[in-house]
Amino acid sequence: MSSQHDSSNGLDHNDNGSDVKSAEGPGYKSEVESSNPYHFPDFTLPTGIVYNSVPVMKFPVKDDPLTHIQNIRALSLREDDVIITAYPKCGTHWVAEILHMLTSGSTSYCSRTKEFTMLEFLNDLPSLEAFESPRLLNSHLYMAHLPEQILGKKVKVRDMCAAGQWDWPGEGHV
C-alpha cells in the first residue's frame, strides 16, 4: 500500500482513500527508536538489570532501580497487611476501594489515591511504618521483587494465573 503526503493538512492519503495523520511535527518523532518503538514512559522500560532472575523496570523514584527493588524486598511486613498484586489495568483501583471500605468499616471512599501506597512508586518506604494497621498496599511488581516476608508472614498473595488453573483443568496453559 502506498501513500502520498498532503502538507496543507498534515494528512497522508493511502490507496484505499482513507486519511491517516502523519507522524511528524510537535510531539512526534519521525524515527522510531528500536529500544522503545511505542514511546512508553521511561519508567516503564527495562533497565537491563536482572534481580532474582527477573528484569528490573525503571521507577519514578529517587533511588536507582536496583536499590529500590532491594529496599522493597527488605520491607518489614505486619501480620495483618493486605497487598494487592496484579497486572496493570486489572481493576485494582476498585479492589483497593472495596478493601479500604472493608478494613475501615465504612462506606466512605479512601481519601488518598491507590498510588500513594504503591510499592514501586514510594520514594520513602520507611514512611509505611507510620500507617495504621491493617495497611493496604499494592503493586504491579513481579513476585520475585515483592517483600521477602510475604512468604513467612500471614500475608496472603493470590496470583490470578495460578488461581486460574482450577478454572481450566487439563488445559496446560498455566
N, C-alpha and C. Protein backbone atom coordinates (compact mmCIF):
# COMPACT_ATOMS: atom_id res chain seq x y z
N MET A 1 0.86 -1.17 0.00
CA MET A 1 0.00 0.00 0.00
C MET A 1 0.90 1.23 0.00
N SER A 2 0.66 2.14 -0.90
CA SER A 2 1.46 3.36 -0.95
C SER A 2 0.64 4.51 -0.40
N SER A 3 1.34 5.59 -0.02
CA SER A 3 0.62 6.75 0.48
C SER A 3 1.29 8.01 -0.03
N GLN A 4 0.51 9.09 -0.09
CA GLN A 4 1.02 10.39 -0.50
C GLN A 4 0.73 11.37 0.62
N HIS A 5 1.68 12.27 0.87
CA HIS A 5 1.52 13.24 1.95
C HIS A 5 1.04 14.57 1.39
N ASP A 6 0.01 15.13 2.01
CA ASP A 6 -0.51 16.44 1.65
C ASP A 6 -0.10 17.40 2.75
N SER A 7 0.90 18.25 2.49
CA SER A 7 1.44 19.14 3.52
C SER A 7 0.44 20.21 3.94
N SER A 8 -0.58 20.48 3.16
CA SER A 8 -1.54 21.52 3.51
C SER A 8 -2.40 21.15 4.72
N ASN A 9 -2.65 19.84 4.89
CA ASN A 9 -3.49 19.44 6.02
C ASN A 9 -2.81 18.42 6.94
N GLY A 10 -1.57 18.05 6.66
CA GLY A 10 -0.83 17.13 7.52
C GLY A 10 -1.33 15.70 7.46
N LEU A 11 -2.11 15.36 6.42
CA LEU A 11 -2.64 14.01 6.31
C LEU A 11 -1.93 13.23 5.23
N ASP A 12 -1.82 11.93 5.44
CA ASP A 12 -1.34 11.02 4.41
C ASP A 12 -2.57 10.38 3.78
N HIS A 13 -2.55 10.24 2.48
CA HIS A 13 -3.65 9.60 1.76
C HIS A 13 -3.13 8.26 1.26
N ASN A 14 -3.78 7.16 1.64
CA ASN A 14 -3.32 5.87 1.15
C ASN A 14 -4.22 5.40 0.01
N ASP A 15 -3.87 4.24 -0.56
CA ASP A 15 -4.54 3.74 -1.76
C ASP A 15 -6.04 3.52 -1.59
N ASN A 16 -6.49 3.23 -0.39
CA ASN A 16 -7.92 2.97 -0.24
C ASN A 16 -8.73 4.24 0.02
N GLY A 17 -8.09 5.42 -0.06
CA GLY A 17 -8.79 6.68 0.04
C GLY A 17 -8.94 7.23 1.44
N SER A 18 -8.50 6.48 2.47
CA SER A 18 -8.65 6.99 3.83
C SER A 18 -7.48 7.91 4.18
N ASP A 19 -7.72 8.82 5.11
CA ASP A 19 -6.70 9.75 5.55
C ASP A 19 -6.09 9.26 6.86
N VAL A 20 -4.78 9.37 6.99
CA VAL A 20 -4.06 8.95 8.17
C VAL A 20 -3.20 10.11 8.62
N LYS A 21 -3.26 10.48 9.91
CA LYS A 21 -2.47 11.58 10.44
C LYS A 21 -0.99 11.23 10.34
N SER A 22 -0.20 12.13 9.84
CA SER A 22 1.23 11.92 9.68
C SER A 22 1.93 11.95 11.03
N ALA A 23 2.92 11.11 11.21
CA ALA A 23 3.70 11.07 12.45
C ALA A 23 4.86 12.04 12.38
N GLU A 24 4.57 13.28 12.10
CA GLU A 24 5.58 14.33 12.04
C GLU A 24 5.05 15.54 12.79
N GLY A 25 5.93 16.41 13.20
CA GLY A 25 5.51 17.63 13.87
C GLY A 25 5.74 17.58 15.36
N PRO A 26 5.23 18.59 16.07
CA PRO A 26 5.46 18.67 17.51
C PRO A 26 4.92 17.44 18.24
N GLY A 27 5.74 16.90 19.12
CA GLY A 27 5.31 15.74 19.90
C GLY A 27 5.50 14.41 19.21
N TYR A 28 5.94 14.42 17.97
CA TYR A 28 6.17 13.18 17.25
C TYR A 28 7.64 13.07 16.90
N LYS A 29 8.13 11.83 16.84
CA LYS A 29 9.48 11.58 16.37
C LYS A 29 9.37 10.88 15.03
N SER A 30 10.10 11.35 14.07
CA SER A 30 9.99 10.75 12.74
C SER A 30 10.73 9.42 12.66
N GLU A 31 11.74 9.23 13.51
CA GLU A 31 12.46 7.97 13.52
C GLU A 31 12.03 7.15 14.73
N VAL A 32 11.72 5.89 14.51
CA VAL A 32 11.32 5.02 15.61
C VAL A 32 12.57 4.46 16.27
N GLU A 33 12.64 4.62 17.59
CA GLU A 33 13.77 4.07 18.33
C GLU A 33 13.52 2.59 18.54
N SER A 34 14.51 1.75 18.21
CA SER A 34 14.32 0.31 18.31
C SER A 34 14.13 -0.15 19.75
N SER A 35 14.68 0.58 20.74
CA SER A 35 14.53 0.16 22.13
C SER A 35 13.18 0.57 22.72
N ASN A 36 12.50 1.49 22.10
CA ASN A 36 11.21 1.98 22.62
C ASN A 36 10.31 2.39 21.46
N PRO A 37 9.92 1.44 20.60
CA PRO A 37 9.15 1.81 19.41
C PRO A 37 7.77 2.38 19.70
N TYR A 38 7.20 2.12 20.88
CA TYR A 38 5.86 2.61 21.19
C TYR A 38 5.88 3.86 22.07
N HIS A 39 7.07 4.36 22.37
CA HIS A 39 7.26 5.59 23.15
C HIS A 39 6.59 5.52 24.52
N PHE A 40 6.78 4.36 25.21
CA PHE A 40 6.30 4.24 26.57
C PHE A 40 7.07 5.20 27.46
N PRO A 41 6.50 5.64 28.58
CA PRO A 41 7.26 6.49 29.51
C PRO A 41 8.52 5.76 29.96
N ASP A 42 9.60 6.50 30.15
CA ASP A 42 10.88 5.88 30.51
C ASP A 42 10.79 4.97 31.72
N PHE A 43 9.95 5.31 32.72
CA PHE A 43 9.93 4.50 33.93
C PHE A 43 9.29 3.13 33.73
N THR A 44 8.69 2.87 32.57
CA THR A 44 8.10 1.56 32.32
C THR A 44 9.03 0.65 31.53
N LEU A 45 10.22 1.12 31.24
CA LEU A 45 11.12 0.36 30.39
C LEU A 45 12.10 -0.48 31.21
N PRO A 46 12.54 -1.60 30.66
CA PRO A 46 13.56 -2.40 31.35
C PRO A 46 14.86 -1.61 31.50
N THR A 47 15.60 -1.94 32.55
CA THR A 47 16.86 -1.25 32.82
C THR A 47 18.06 -2.04 32.33
N GLY A 48 17.86 -3.29 31.98
CA GLY A 48 18.97 -4.17 31.66
C GLY A 48 19.47 -4.89 32.90
N ILE A 49 18.91 -4.55 34.06
CA ILE A 49 19.30 -5.18 35.33
C ILE A 49 18.36 -6.36 35.59
N VAL A 50 18.94 -7.46 36.04
CA VAL A 50 18.15 -8.63 36.41
C VAL A 50 18.38 -8.90 37.89
N TYR A 51 17.29 -9.05 38.65
CA TYR A 51 17.36 -9.32 40.08
C TYR A 51 16.42 -10.47 40.39
N ASN A 52 16.93 -11.51 41.07
CA ASN A 52 16.14 -12.72 41.33
C ASN A 52 15.62 -13.32 40.03
N SER A 53 16.44 -13.30 39.01
CA SER A 53 16.14 -13.89 37.70
C SER A 53 15.02 -13.18 36.94
N VAL A 54 14.67 -11.95 37.36
CA VAL A 54 13.58 -11.21 36.72
C VAL A 54 14.08 -9.81 36.36
N PRO A 55 13.75 -9.31 35.16
CA PRO A 55 14.18 -7.96 34.77
C PRO A 55 13.62 -6.89 35.71
N VAL A 56 14.44 -5.89 35.99
CA VAL A 56 14.04 -4.76 36.84
C VAL A 56 13.63 -3.61 35.93
N MET A 57 12.47 -3.02 36.23
CA MET A 57 11.98 -1.88 35.46
C MET A 57 12.44 -0.58 36.11
N LYS A 58 12.38 0.51 35.35
CA LYS A 58 12.65 1.83 35.92
C LYS A 58 11.41 2.29 36.67
N PHE A 59 11.61 3.02 37.75
CA PHE A 59 10.50 3.54 38.54
C PHE A 59 10.67 5.04 38.72
N PRO A 60 9.59 5.77 38.87
CA PRO A 60 9.69 7.22 39.05
C PRO A 60 10.00 7.57 40.51
N VAL A 61 11.16 7.10 40.98
CA VAL A 61 11.60 7.35 42.35
C VAL A 61 13.02 7.87 42.34
N LYS A 62 13.49 8.37 43.51
CA LYS A 62 14.82 8.97 43.59
C LYS A 62 15.94 7.93 43.56
N ASP A 63 15.71 6.72 44.08
CA ASP A 63 16.75 5.69 44.10
C ASP A 63 16.93 5.06 42.73
N ASP A 64 18.11 4.48 42.51
CA ASP A 64 18.30 3.74 41.27
C ASP A 64 17.43 2.48 41.35
N PRO A 65 17.06 1.89 40.21
CA PRO A 65 16.10 0.78 40.19
C PRO A 65 16.50 -0.42 41.05
N LEU A 66 17.78 -0.80 41.03
CA LEU A 66 18.20 -1.97 41.81
C LEU A 66 18.09 -1.69 43.31
N THR A 67 18.53 -0.52 43.75
CA THR A 67 18.43 -0.16 45.17
C THR A 67 16.97 -0.14 45.61
N HIS A 68 16.10 0.39 44.76
CA HIS A 68 14.68 0.46 45.12
C HIS A 68 14.09 -0.94 45.28
N ILE A 69 14.41 -1.85 44.38
CA ILE A 69 13.91 -3.23 44.49
C ILE A 69 14.46 -3.88 45.75
N GLN A 70 15.73 -3.67 46.05
CA GLN A 70 16.31 -4.25 47.26
C GLN A 70 15.63 -3.70 48.52
N ASN A 71 15.29 -2.41 48.51
CA ASN A 71 14.58 -1.81 49.64
C ASN A 71 13.17 -2.39 49.78
N ILE A 72 12.51 -2.63 48.66
CA ILE A 72 11.18 -3.25 48.70
C ILE A 72 11.29 -4.66 49.25
N ARG A 73 12.28 -5.41 48.79
CA ARG A 73 12.47 -6.79 49.26
C ARG A 73 12.71 -6.84 50.77
N ALA A 74 13.37 -5.80 51.31
CA ALA A 74 13.70 -5.76 52.75
C ALA A 74 12.58 -5.15 53.59
N LEU A 75 11.50 -4.73 52.97
CA LEU A 75 10.41 -4.07 53.68
C LEU A 75 9.83 -4.98 54.76
N SER A 76 9.63 -4.41 55.94
CA SER A 76 9.06 -5.15 57.06
C SER A 76 7.54 -5.17 56.94
N LEU A 77 6.98 -6.37 56.93
CA LEU A 77 5.53 -6.52 56.81
C LEU A 77 4.92 -6.86 58.16
N ARG A 78 3.65 -6.56 58.31
CA ARG A 78 2.89 -6.91 59.51
C ARG A 78 1.98 -8.09 59.18
N GLU A 79 1.58 -8.79 60.21
CA GLU A 79 0.73 -9.97 60.02
C GLU A 79 -0.60 -9.63 59.35
N ASP A 80 -1.09 -8.40 59.56
CA ASP A 80 -2.40 -8.04 59.03
C ASP A 80 -2.33 -7.18 57.76
N ASP A 81 -1.14 -7.06 57.17
CA ASP A 81 -1.02 -6.30 55.92
C ASP A 81 -1.80 -6.97 54.80
N VAL A 82 -2.37 -6.15 53.95
CA VAL A 82 -3.07 -6.63 52.76
C VAL A 82 -2.33 -6.05 51.56
N ILE A 83 -1.89 -6.93 50.67
CA ILE A 83 -1.16 -6.47 49.48
C ILE A 83 -1.92 -6.91 48.24
N ILE A 84 -2.32 -5.95 47.44
CA ILE A 84 -2.98 -6.23 46.16
C ILE A 84 -1.88 -6.29 45.11
N THR A 85 -1.76 -7.41 44.42
CA THR A 85 -0.79 -7.51 43.34
C THR A 85 -1.52 -7.98 42.09
N ALA A 86 -1.26 -7.31 40.99
CA ALA A 86 -1.92 -7.66 39.73
C ALA A 86 -1.21 -6.98 38.58
N TYR A 87 -1.55 -7.39 37.39
CA TYR A 87 -1.08 -6.70 36.21
C TYR A 87 -1.75 -5.33 36.15
N PRO A 88 -1.11 -4.36 35.50
CA PRO A 88 -1.79 -3.07 35.31
C PRO A 88 -3.11 -3.26 34.55
N LYS A 89 -4.06 -2.41 34.82
CA LYS A 89 -5.37 -2.39 34.15
C LYS A 89 -6.22 -3.62 34.49
N CYS A 90 -6.04 -4.16 35.70
CA CYS A 90 -6.83 -5.33 36.11
C CYS A 90 -7.94 -4.99 37.10
N GLY A 91 -8.20 -3.71 37.32
CA GLY A 91 -9.27 -3.32 38.22
C GLY A 91 -8.84 -3.15 39.66
N THR A 92 -7.56 -2.92 39.89
CA THR A 92 -7.08 -2.82 41.27
C THR A 92 -7.56 -1.56 41.98
N HIS A 93 -7.93 -0.51 41.24
CA HIS A 93 -8.49 0.68 41.90
C HIS A 93 -9.80 0.31 42.60
N TRP A 94 -10.64 -0.45 41.93
CA TRP A 94 -11.90 -0.88 42.54
C TRP A 94 -11.64 -1.78 43.73
N VAL A 95 -10.74 -2.74 43.57
CA VAL A 95 -10.42 -3.66 44.66
C VAL A 95 -9.87 -2.89 45.86
N ALA A 96 -9.00 -1.90 45.60
CA ALA A 96 -8.44 -1.09 46.69
C ALA A 96 -9.54 -0.34 47.44
N GLU A 97 -10.50 0.22 46.71
CA GLU A 97 -11.61 0.93 47.36
C GLU A 97 -12.47 -0.02 48.20
N ILE A 98 -12.76 -1.18 47.64
CA ILE A 98 -13.58 -2.16 48.37
C ILE A 98 -12.85 -2.62 49.63
N LEU A 99 -11.55 -2.92 49.50
CA LEU A 99 -10.78 -3.36 50.67
C LEU A 99 -10.67 -2.25 51.71
N HIS A 100 -10.53 -1.01 51.26
CA HIS A 100 -10.50 0.12 52.19
C HIS A 100 -11.81 0.18 52.98
N MET A 101 -12.92 0.02 52.28
CA MET A 101 -14.22 0.06 52.96
C MET A 101 -14.36 -1.10 53.95
N LEU A 102 -13.90 -2.28 53.56
CA LEU A 102 -13.99 -3.44 54.44
C LEU A 102 -13.10 -3.30 55.67
N THR A 103 -11.87 -2.84 55.47
CA THR A 103 -10.94 -2.73 56.60
C THR A 103 -11.24 -1.54 57.51
N SER A 104 -11.85 -0.50 56.97
CA SER A 104 -12.17 0.67 57.79
C SER A 104 -13.56 0.59 58.42
N GLY A 105 -14.38 -0.35 57.94
CA GLY A 105 -15.74 -0.48 58.46
C GLY A 105 -16.63 0.68 58.06
N SER A 106 -16.32 1.31 56.94
CA SER A 106 -17.07 2.48 56.48
C SER A 106 -17.30 2.37 54.98
N THR A 107 -18.33 3.04 54.50
CA THR A 107 -18.57 3.07 53.06
C THR A 107 -18.00 4.32 52.40
N SER A 108 -17.21 5.08 53.14
CA SER A 108 -16.61 6.28 52.55
C SER A 108 -15.41 5.89 51.69
N TYR A 109 -15.21 6.67 50.63
CA TYR A 109 -14.08 6.42 49.75
C TYR A 109 -12.77 6.78 50.45
N CYS A 110 -11.70 6.15 50.04
CA CYS A 110 -10.37 6.43 50.59
C CYS A 110 -9.96 7.85 50.20
N SER A 111 -9.38 8.59 51.13
CA SER A 111 -9.02 9.99 50.87
C SER A 111 -7.73 10.13 50.07
N ARG A 112 -6.94 9.07 49.98
CA ARG A 112 -5.71 9.14 49.19
C ARG A 112 -5.80 8.18 48.00
N THR A 113 -5.01 8.45 47.00
CA THR A 113 -5.05 7.62 45.80
C THR A 113 -4.35 6.29 46.05
N LYS A 114 -4.68 5.31 45.24
CA LYS A 114 -4.08 3.98 45.33
C LYS A 114 -2.57 4.06 45.16
N GLU A 115 -2.10 4.95 44.31
CA GLU A 115 -0.67 5.07 44.04
C GLU A 115 0.12 5.53 45.26
N PHE A 116 -0.58 6.11 46.24
CA PHE A 116 0.07 6.57 47.47
C PHE A 116 0.71 5.41 48.23
N THR A 117 0.18 4.20 48.07
CA THR A 117 0.73 3.02 48.75
C THR A 117 1.24 1.98 47.76
N MET A 118 1.55 2.41 46.55
CA MET A 118 2.08 1.51 45.55
C MET A 118 3.59 1.37 45.76
N LEU A 119 4.04 0.17 46.08
CA LEU A 119 5.42 -0.05 46.50
C LEU A 119 6.45 0.48 45.51
N GLU A 120 6.22 0.28 44.23
CA GLU A 120 7.22 0.71 43.25
C GLU A 120 7.26 2.22 43.05
N PHE A 121 6.26 2.95 43.53
CA PHE A 121 6.22 4.41 43.36
C PHE A 121 6.58 5.18 44.62
N LEU A 122 6.79 4.49 45.74
CA LEU A 122 7.07 5.16 47.01
C LEU A 122 8.54 5.56 47.12
N ASN A 123 8.80 6.84 47.26
CA ASN A 123 10.17 7.32 47.48
C ASN A 123 10.64 7.03 48.89
N ASP A 124 9.73 7.01 49.84
CA ASP A 124 10.07 6.86 51.24
C ASP A 124 9.39 5.61 51.81
N LEU A 125 9.95 4.44 51.53
CA LEU A 125 9.35 3.19 52.01
C LEU A 125 9.23 3.13 53.54
N PRO A 126 10.21 3.65 54.30
CA PRO A 126 10.06 3.62 55.77
C PRO A 126 8.84 4.38 56.28
N SER A 127 8.30 5.30 55.49
CA SER A 127 7.11 6.05 55.92
C SER A 127 5.90 5.13 56.10
N LEU A 128 5.93 3.94 55.52
CA LEU A 128 4.83 2.99 55.68
C LEU A 128 4.67 2.54 57.13
N GLU A 129 5.74 2.63 57.91
CA GLU A 129 5.67 2.23 59.32
C GLU A 129 4.65 3.06 60.09
N ALA A 130 4.44 4.31 59.68
CA ALA A 130 3.51 5.19 60.39
C ALA A 130 2.05 4.89 60.07
N PHE A 131 1.78 4.07 59.06
CA PHE A 131 0.41 3.75 58.68
C PHE A 131 -0.24 2.86 59.75
N GLU A 132 -1.52 3.12 60.00
CA GLU A 132 -2.28 2.29 60.93
C GLU A 132 -2.53 0.92 60.32
N SER A 133 -2.64 -0.08 61.17
CA SER A 133 -2.97 -1.43 60.71
C SER A 133 -4.49 -1.56 60.58
N PRO A 134 -4.95 -2.35 59.65
CA PRO A 134 -4.19 -3.06 58.63
C PRO A 134 -3.81 -2.12 57.48
N ARG A 135 -2.58 -2.27 57.03
CA ARG A 135 -2.11 -1.44 55.92
C ARG A 135 -2.56 -2.08 54.61
N LEU A 136 -3.06 -1.26 53.71
CA LEU A 136 -3.47 -1.72 52.39
C LEU A 136 -2.42 -1.24 51.40
N LEU A 137 -1.60 -2.17 50.91
CA LEU A 137 -0.52 -1.86 49.98
C LEU A 137 -0.87 -2.46 48.63
N ASN A 138 -0.20 -1.99 47.58
CA ASN A 138 -0.45 -2.59 46.27
C ASN A 138 0.78 -2.47 45.40
N SER A 139 0.81 -3.29 44.34
CA SER A 139 1.97 -3.33 43.47
C SER A 139 1.65 -4.03 42.16
N HIS A 140 2.40 -3.66 41.15
CA HIS A 140 2.39 -4.38 39.87
C HIS A 140 3.71 -5.11 39.68
N LEU A 141 4.50 -5.25 40.74
CA LEU A 141 5.80 -5.91 40.65
C LEU A 141 5.66 -7.41 40.48
N TYR A 142 6.74 -8.01 39.98
CA TYR A 142 6.82 -9.47 39.93
C TYR A 142 6.94 -10.00 41.35
N MET A 143 6.50 -11.23 41.58
CA MET A 143 6.60 -11.85 42.90
C MET A 143 8.05 -11.84 43.39
N ALA A 144 9.00 -12.03 42.50
CA ALA A 144 10.42 -12.07 42.87
C ALA A 144 10.93 -10.73 43.38
N HIS A 145 10.17 -9.65 43.18
CA HIS A 145 10.58 -8.32 43.61
C HIS A 145 9.76 -7.81 44.80
N LEU A 146 8.79 -8.57 45.25
CA LEU A 146 7.97 -8.16 46.39
C LEU A 146 8.71 -8.44 47.70
N PRO A 147 8.26 -7.88 48.82
CA PRO A 147 8.96 -8.09 50.10
C PRO A 147 9.16 -9.57 50.42
N GLU A 148 10.36 -9.90 50.91
CA GLU A 148 10.69 -11.29 51.23
C GLU A 148 9.76 -11.87 52.29
N GLN A 149 9.28 -11.04 53.20
CA GLN A 149 8.45 -11.52 54.31
C GLN A 149 7.07 -12.00 53.87
N ILE A 150 6.72 -11.79 52.63
CA ILE A 150 5.41 -12.27 52.15
C ILE A 150 5.29 -13.77 52.37
N LEU A 151 6.37 -14.49 52.17
CA LEU A 151 6.33 -15.95 52.29
C LEU A 151 6.34 -16.42 53.74
N GLY A 152 6.85 -15.61 54.67
CA GLY A 152 6.97 -16.04 56.05
C GLY A 152 5.88 -15.52 56.97
N LYS A 153 5.14 -14.53 56.56
CA LYS A 153 4.09 -13.94 57.40
C LYS A 153 2.72 -14.46 56.94
N LYS A 154 1.70 -14.02 57.62
CA LYS A 154 0.34 -14.43 57.27
C LYS A 154 -0.20 -13.69 56.06
N VAL A 155 0.59 -12.79 55.51
CA VAL A 155 0.16 -12.05 54.32
C VAL A 155 -0.15 -13.06 53.23
N LYS A 156 -1.30 -12.94 52.63
CA LYS A 156 -1.71 -13.88 51.58
C LYS A 156 -1.63 -13.21 50.22
N VAL A 157 -1.04 -13.91 49.28
CA VAL A 157 -0.93 -13.42 47.92
C VAL A 157 -1.73 -14.34 47.02
N ARG A 158 -2.59 -13.75 46.20
CA ARG A 158 -3.34 -14.52 45.22
C ARG A 158 -2.86 -14.10 43.85
N ASP A 159 -2.46 -15.06 43.08
CA ASP A 159 -1.98 -14.80 41.74
C ASP A 159 -3.07 -15.21 40.77
N MET A 160 -3.45 -14.28 39.89
CA MET A 160 -4.58 -14.58 39.01
C MET A 160 -4.28 -15.71 38.04
N CYS A 161 -3.01 -15.90 37.66
CA CYS A 161 -2.69 -17.00 36.74
C CYS A 161 -2.75 -18.34 37.46
N ALA A 162 -2.15 -18.39 38.66
CA ALA A 162 -2.15 -19.65 39.41
C ALA A 162 -3.57 -20.01 39.84
N ALA A 163 -4.36 -19.03 40.24
CA ALA A 163 -5.73 -19.30 40.67
C ALA A 163 -6.56 -19.81 39.50
N GLY A 164 -6.23 -19.41 38.29
CA GLY A 164 -6.98 -19.82 37.11
C GLY A 164 -6.82 -21.28 36.75
N GLN A 165 -5.81 -21.94 37.32
CA GLN A 165 -5.60 -23.35 36.99
C GLN A 165 -6.80 -24.21 37.37
N TRP A 166 -7.57 -23.78 38.36
CA TRP A 166 -8.74 -24.55 38.79
C TRP A 166 -9.92 -24.31 37.85
N ASP A 167 -9.89 -23.22 37.11
CA ASP A 167 -10.97 -22.92 36.17
C ASP A 167 -10.79 -23.62 34.84
N TRP A 168 -9.55 -23.96 34.50
CA TRP A 168 -9.25 -24.59 33.21
C TRP A 168 -8.43 -25.86 33.40
N PRO A 169 -8.98 -26.87 34.09
CA PRO A 169 -8.19 -28.07 34.34
C PRO A 169 -7.84 -28.79 33.03
N GLY A 170 -6.63 -29.28 32.97
CA GLY A 170 -6.20 -30.05 31.81
C GLY A 170 -5.83 -29.22 30.60
N GLU A 171 -5.94 -27.90 30.68
CA GLU A 171 -5.62 -27.05 29.53
C GLU A 171 -4.12 -26.94 29.32
N GLY A 172 -3.35 -27.00 30.41
CA GLY A 172 -1.90 -26.92 30.29
C GLY A 172 -1.36 -25.54 29.97
N HIS A 173 -2.19 -24.50 30.08
CA HIS A 173 -1.73 -23.14 29.75
C HIS A 173 -1.06 -22.46 30.92
N VAL A 174 -1.39 -22.86 32.12
CA VAL A 174 -0.96 -22.11 33.30
C VAL A 174 0.36 -22.59 33.81
